[in-house]
Structure formats: C-alpha cells, structure tokens
Amino acid sequence: MLRIILFIIGYIFSVIGLFFIFLYLNLFSIGYSFLEFVYFIIRSIYCDLFFIGIILIILALRRKHNGLLL
C-alpha cells in the first residue's frame, strides 16, 4: 500500500514539475539564452518537484529479491 502511495505522489510531483519546465520554455521567446534558461529552471522549486517525483517513483518500483536489489 505504501508503494502505491509513493508511486502516485511521485507521479503527481513529476507531472507538475515537468509541466512547469515546459511552460518555462516560453522564456526563449523573450530572449533568454539556453544557459539563462537552465539557471532559471535549476533555481525553480518546480524542478525540485520533478526530481523528487522521479526519486519517489524509483523507490516505489524498487523491490528486493533474496537480498539483491532488482
């Protein structure tokens, strides 16, 4: 049950984070360079949500089998 909740929360976080990263692509149209865009995305909390969501999904899908991680 915990794995399902972790997966759902991770999925929601990653979707929200990726949505805002795509939304910020409009910064190119107002003259931001690629490095300025990357710097802006890294400082944004939504980028953190994306990576936290990916980590939660990996944790939810990880399983043990005879002491080995698969």
C-alpha atoms as a PDB file:
ATOM      1  CA  MET A   1       0.000   0.000   0.000  1.00  0.00           C
ATOM      2  CA  LEU A   2       2.869   2.364   0.833  1.00  0.00           C
ATOM      3  CA  ARG A   3       4.446   1.696  -2.552  1.00  0.00           C
ATOM      4  CA  ILE A   4       1.256   2.628  -4.365  1.00  0.00           C
ATOM      5  CA  ILE A   5       1.001   5.897  -2.429  1.00  0.00           C
ATOM      6  CA  LEU A   6       4.677   6.672  -3.092  1.00  0.00           C
ATOM      7  CA  PHE A   7       4.174   5.978  -6.781  1.00  0.00           C
ATOM      8  CA  ILE A   8       1.093   8.203  -7.038  1.00  0.00           C
ATOM      9  CA  ILE A   9       2.718  11.079  -5.139  1.00  0.00           C
ATOM     10  CA  GLY A  10       5.882  10.721  -7.223  1.00  0.00           C
ATOM     11  CA  TYR A  11       3.869  10.708 -10.424  1.00  0.00           C
ATOM     12  CA  ILE A  12       1.953  13.843  -9.403  1.00  0.00           C
ATOM     13  CA  PHE A  13       5.168  15.662  -8.412  1.00  0.00           C
ATOM     14  CA  SER A  14       6.947  14.739 -11.627  1.00  0.00           C
ATOM     15  CA  VAL A  15       3.980  15.772 -13.794  1.00  0.00           C
ATOM     16  CA  ILE A  16       3.703  19.142 -12.040  1.00  0.00           C
ATOM     17  CA  GLY A  17       7.440  19.733 -12.311  1.00  0.00           C
ATOM     18  CA  LEU A  18       7.606  18.749 -15.978  1.00  0.00           C
ATOM     19  CA  PHE A  19       4.562  20.871 -16.774  1.00  0.00           C
ATOM     20  CA  PHE A  20       6.211  23.983 -15.375  1.00  0.00           C
ATOM     21  CA  ILE A  21       9.519  23.195 -17.088  1.00  0.00           C
ATOM     22  CA  PHE A  22       7.672  23.039 -20.418  1.00  0.00           C
ATOM     23  CA  LEU A  23       5.783  26.194 -19.509  1.00  0.00           C
ATOM     24  CA  TYR A  24       9.059  27.997 -18.875  1.00  0.00           C
ATOM     25  CA  LEU A  25      10.175  27.191 -22.424  1.00  0.00           C
ATOM     26  CA  ASN A  26       8.414  30.440 -23.334  1.00  0.00           C
ATOM     27  CA  LEU A  27      11.386  32.235 -21.801  1.00  0.00           C
ATOM     28  CA  PHE A  28      13.223  31.577 -25.065  1.00  0.00           C
ATOM     29  CA  SER A  29      10.725  33.737 -26.915  1.00  0.00           C
ATOM     30  CA  ILE A  30      11.546  36.772 -24.748  1.00  0.00           C
ATOM     31  CA  GLY A  31      15.284  36.495 -25.323  1.00  0.00           C
ATOM     32  CA  TYR A  32      16.689  34.184 -22.651  1.00  0.00           C
ATOM     33  CA  SER A  33      19.725  32.174 -23.719  1.00  0.00           C
ATOM     34  CA  PHE A  34      19.941  28.446 -23.054  1.00  0.00           C
ATOM     35  CA  LEU A  35      22.279  28.901 -20.076  1.00  0.00           C
ATOM     36  CA  GLU A  36      19.995  31.528 -18.534  1.00  0.00           C
ATOM     37  CA  PHE A  37      17.059  29.156 -19.025  1.00  0.00           C
ATOM     38  CA  VAL A  38      18.901  26.271 -17.345  1.00  0.00           C
ATOM     39  CA  TYR A  39      19.936  28.530 -14.464  1.00  0.00           C
ATOM     40  CA  PHE A  40      16.338  29.709 -14.024  1.00  0.00           C
ATOM     41  CA  ILE A  41      14.978  26.135 -14.090  1.00  0.00           C
ATOM     42  CA  ILE A  42      17.543  24.883 -11.568  1.00  0.00           C
ATOM     43  CA  ARG A  43      16.619  27.684  -9.141  1.00  0.00           C
ATOM     44  CA  SER A  44      12.913  26.914  -9.504  1.00  0.00           C
ATOM     45  CA  ILE A  45      11.098  24.800  -6.914  1.00  0.00           C
ATOM     46  CA  TYR A  46       9.275  23.020  -9.722  1.00  0.00           C
ATOM     47  CA  CYS A  47      12.495  21.493 -10.961  1.00  0.00           C
ATOM     48  CA  ASP A  48      12.998  20.102  -7.458  1.00  0.00           C
ATOM     49  CA  LEU A  49       9.470  18.677  -7.543  1.00  0.00           C
ATOM     50  CA  PHE A  50      10.294  16.892 -10.795  1.00  0.00           C
ATOM     51  CA  PHE A  51      13.414  15.238  -9.379  1.00  0.00           C
ATOM     52  CA  ILE A  52      11.731  14.386  -6.057  1.00  0.00           C
ATOM     53  CA  GLY A  53       8.900  12.779  -8.020  1.00  0.00           C
ATOM     54  CA  ILE A  54      11.330  10.679 -10.067  1.00  0.00           C
ATOM     55  CA  ILE A  55      13.096   9.541  -6.885  1.00  0.00           C
ATOM     56  CA  LEU A  56       9.765   8.592  -5.277  1.00  0.00           C
ATOM     57  CA  ILE A  57       8.764   6.594  -8.354  1.00  0.00           C
ATOM     58  CA  ILE A  58      12.097   4.740  -8.320  1.00  0.00           C
ATOM     59  CA  LEU A  59      11.680   3.978  -4.615  1.00  0.00           C
ATOM     60  CA  ALA A  60       8.148   2.722  -5.200  1.00  0.00           C
ATOM     61  CA  LEU A  61       9.189   0.415  -8.037  1.00  0.00           C
ATOM     62  CA  ARG A  62      12.277  -0.961  -6.300  1.00  0.00           C
ATOM     63  CA  ARG A  63      11.932  -4.478  -4.931  1.00  0.00           C
ATOM     64  CA  LYS A  64      14.105  -6.932  -3.050  1.00  0.00           C
ATOM     65  CA  HIS A  65      14.684 -10.483  -4.135  1.00  0.00           C
ATOM     66  CA  ASN A  66      16.824 -12.757  -1.930  1.00  0.00           C
ATOM     67  CA  GLY A  67      18.830  -9.838  -0.595  1.00  0.00           C
ATOM     68  CA  LEU A  68      19.542  -8.452  -4.055  1.00  0.00           C
ATOM     69  CA  LEU A  69      18.055  -5.260  -5.376  1.00  0.00           C
ATOM     70  CA  LEU A  70      16.452  -5.714  -8.768  1.00  0.00           C
END
